[in-house]
Amino acid sequence: MSIKRIKPGAWNSRAVAHGDLLFLSGTVADDKSLSMKGQTEQVLAKIDDVLATAGTDKSRILTATVYLADIAAKDEMNEAWMAWMDKDNPPARAAVGATLTPGTLVEIMVCAAR
């Protein structure tokens, strides 16, 4: 089975496809001045773009891991997540507190079917 690297950079690829699976790198917001909800919305839009580039979409997400700089802000992240998520195809998901780079409030990593 071939491996396809999507948007490779100096230290990682935006995603890696292997067979029918697509693995996205952790995705963070570009605008660190946004609130938790705003950063989450920006991250989810970026995930949509990468999924589309790979020929898939959020309805085919299998798993998601959400890293939060402040676990107390989980409800704010969930507000953005629930507005975005495909309600007919919810993925398996974990949300955990983590130490992220300065200004980053949320980082999301997903695996999707293609």
Protein backbone atom coordinates (compact mmCIF):
# COMPACT_ATOMS: atom_id res chain seq x y z
CA MET A 1 0.00 0.00 0.00
CA SER A 2 1.32 3.40 -0.88
CA ILE A 3 1.81 6.30 1.50
CA LYS A 4 0.87 9.81 0.40
CA ARG A 5 2.04 12.85 2.33
CA ILE A 6 -0.25 15.87 2.08
CA LYS A 7 1.23 19.34 2.39
CA PRO A 8 4.62 18.16 3.69
CA GLY A 9 6.63 20.76 5.58
CA ALA A 10 10.03 21.00 7.22
CA TRP A 11 9.10 18.97 10.30
CA ASN A 12 5.76 17.26 9.52
CA SER A 13 3.09 16.66 6.92
CA ARG A 14 -0.35 18.24 7.34
CA ALA A 15 -1.72 14.72 6.81
CA VAL A 16 -0.59 11.28 5.75
CA ALA A 17 -2.77 8.91 3.75
CA HIS A 18 -2.23 5.18 3.87
CA GLY A 19 -4.75 3.00 2.10
CA ASP A 20 -8.22 4.15 3.04
CA LEU A 21 -7.06 6.01 6.15
CA LEU A 22 -6.04 9.63 6.56
CA PHE A 23 -4.09 10.80 9.61
CA LEU A 24 -4.03 14.55 10.27
CA SER A 25 -1.33 16.21 12.31
CA GLY A 26 -2.36 18.22 15.33
CA THR A 27 -4.04 21.39 14.05
CA VAL A 28 -3.93 24.74 15.86
CA ALA A 29 -5.43 28.16 15.18
CA ASP A 30 -3.42 30.80 13.38
CA ASP A 31 -4.98 33.65 15.39
CA LYS A 32 -3.88 33.21 19.00
CA SER A 33 -5.90 36.27 20.10
CA LEU A 34 -9.16 34.35 19.68
CA SER A 35 -11.11 32.79 22.55
CA MET A 36 -11.28 29.02 23.04
CA LYS A 37 -14.44 28.91 20.90
CA GLY A 38 -12.88 31.11 18.21
CA GLN A 39 -9.67 29.07 18.07
CA THR A 40 -11.70 25.85 17.92
CA GLU A 41 -13.78 27.20 15.02
CA GLN A 42 -10.61 28.18 13.16
CA VAL A 43 -9.03 24.76 13.79
CA LEU A 44 -12.15 22.95 12.56
CA ALA A 45 -12.20 25.04 9.37
CA LYS A 46 -8.56 24.10 8.76
CA ILE A 47 -9.41 20.44 9.31
CA ASP A 48 -12.24 20.74 6.76
CA ASP A 49 -9.73 22.11 4.22
CA VAL A 50 -7.24 19.28 4.72
CA LEU A 51 -9.97 16.65 4.58
CA ALA A 52 -11.27 18.14 1.30
CA THR A 53 -7.74 18.19 -0.14
CA ALA A 54 -7.52 14.46 0.61
CA GLY A 55 -10.92 13.75 -0.93
CA THR A 56 -12.90 13.18 2.26
CA ASP A 57 -14.93 15.16 4.79
CA LYS A 58 -15.91 15.39 8.46
CA SER A 59 -18.64 12.76 8.06
CA ARG A 60 -15.82 10.22 7.65
CA ILE A 61 -13.80 11.16 10.75
CA LEU A 62 -13.18 8.02 12.80
CA THR A 63 -11.39 9.44 15.84
CA ALA A 64 -10.51 12.84 17.25
CA THR A 65 -8.20 13.85 20.07
CA VAL A 66 -8.68 17.36 21.45
CA TYR A 67 -5.92 18.91 23.54
CA LEU A 68 -6.98 21.84 25.73
CA ALA A 69 -4.66 24.31 27.43
CA ASP A 70 -7.39 24.86 30.04
CA ILE A 71 -9.68 21.89 30.65
CA ALA A 72 -12.09 24.26 32.42
CA ALA A 73 -12.82 25.76 28.97
CA LYS A 74 -14.01 22.41 27.59
CA ASP A 75 -17.63 23.60 27.38
CA GLU A 76 -16.58 26.50 25.13
CA MET A 77 -14.68 24.12 22.85
CA ASN A 78 -17.67 21.75 22.84
CA GLU A 79 -19.97 24.58 21.71
CA ALA A 80 -17.90 25.03 18.55
CA TRP A 81 -17.43 21.27 18.12
CA MET A 82 -21.16 20.49 18.33
CA ALA A 83 -22.03 23.23 15.81
CA TRP A 84 -19.48 21.77 13.36
CA MET A 85 -19.66 18.00 13.88
CA ASP A 86 -21.69 15.81 11.52
CA LYS A 87 -24.48 14.80 13.93
CA ASP A 88 -25.25 11.64 11.89
CA ASN A 89 -21.63 10.45 12.04
CA PRO A 90 -20.05 11.34 15.40
CA PRO A 91 -16.45 10.13 15.74
CA ALA A 92 -14.89 8.54 18.78
CA ARG A 93 -13.36 11.48 20.68
CA ALA A 94 -11.19 12.26 23.68
CA ALA A 95 -10.56 15.71 25.17
CA VAL A 96 -7.64 16.14 27.54
CA GLY A 97 -5.81 18.93 29.30
CA ALA A 98 -2.32 19.55 27.96
CA THR A 99 0.52 22.03 27.98
CA LEU A 100 0.42 23.69 24.55
CA THR A 101 2.61 26.32 22.91
CA PRO A 102 2.08 29.85 24.25
CA GLY A 103 -1.21 31.35 23.06
CA THR A 104 -2.54 28.05 21.75
CA LEU A 105 -5.74 27.13 23.56
CA VAL A 106 -6.73 24.05 21.54
CA GLU A 107 -5.07 21.50 19.25
CA ILE A 108 -7.07 18.83 17.44
CA MET A 109 -5.86 15.67 15.77
CA VAL A 110 -8.13 13.42 13.67
CA CYS A 111 -8.05 10.19 11.72
CA ALA A 112 -10.56 9.81 8.87
CA ALA A 113 -11.58 7.27 6.27
CA ARG A 114 -11.12 8.23 2.62
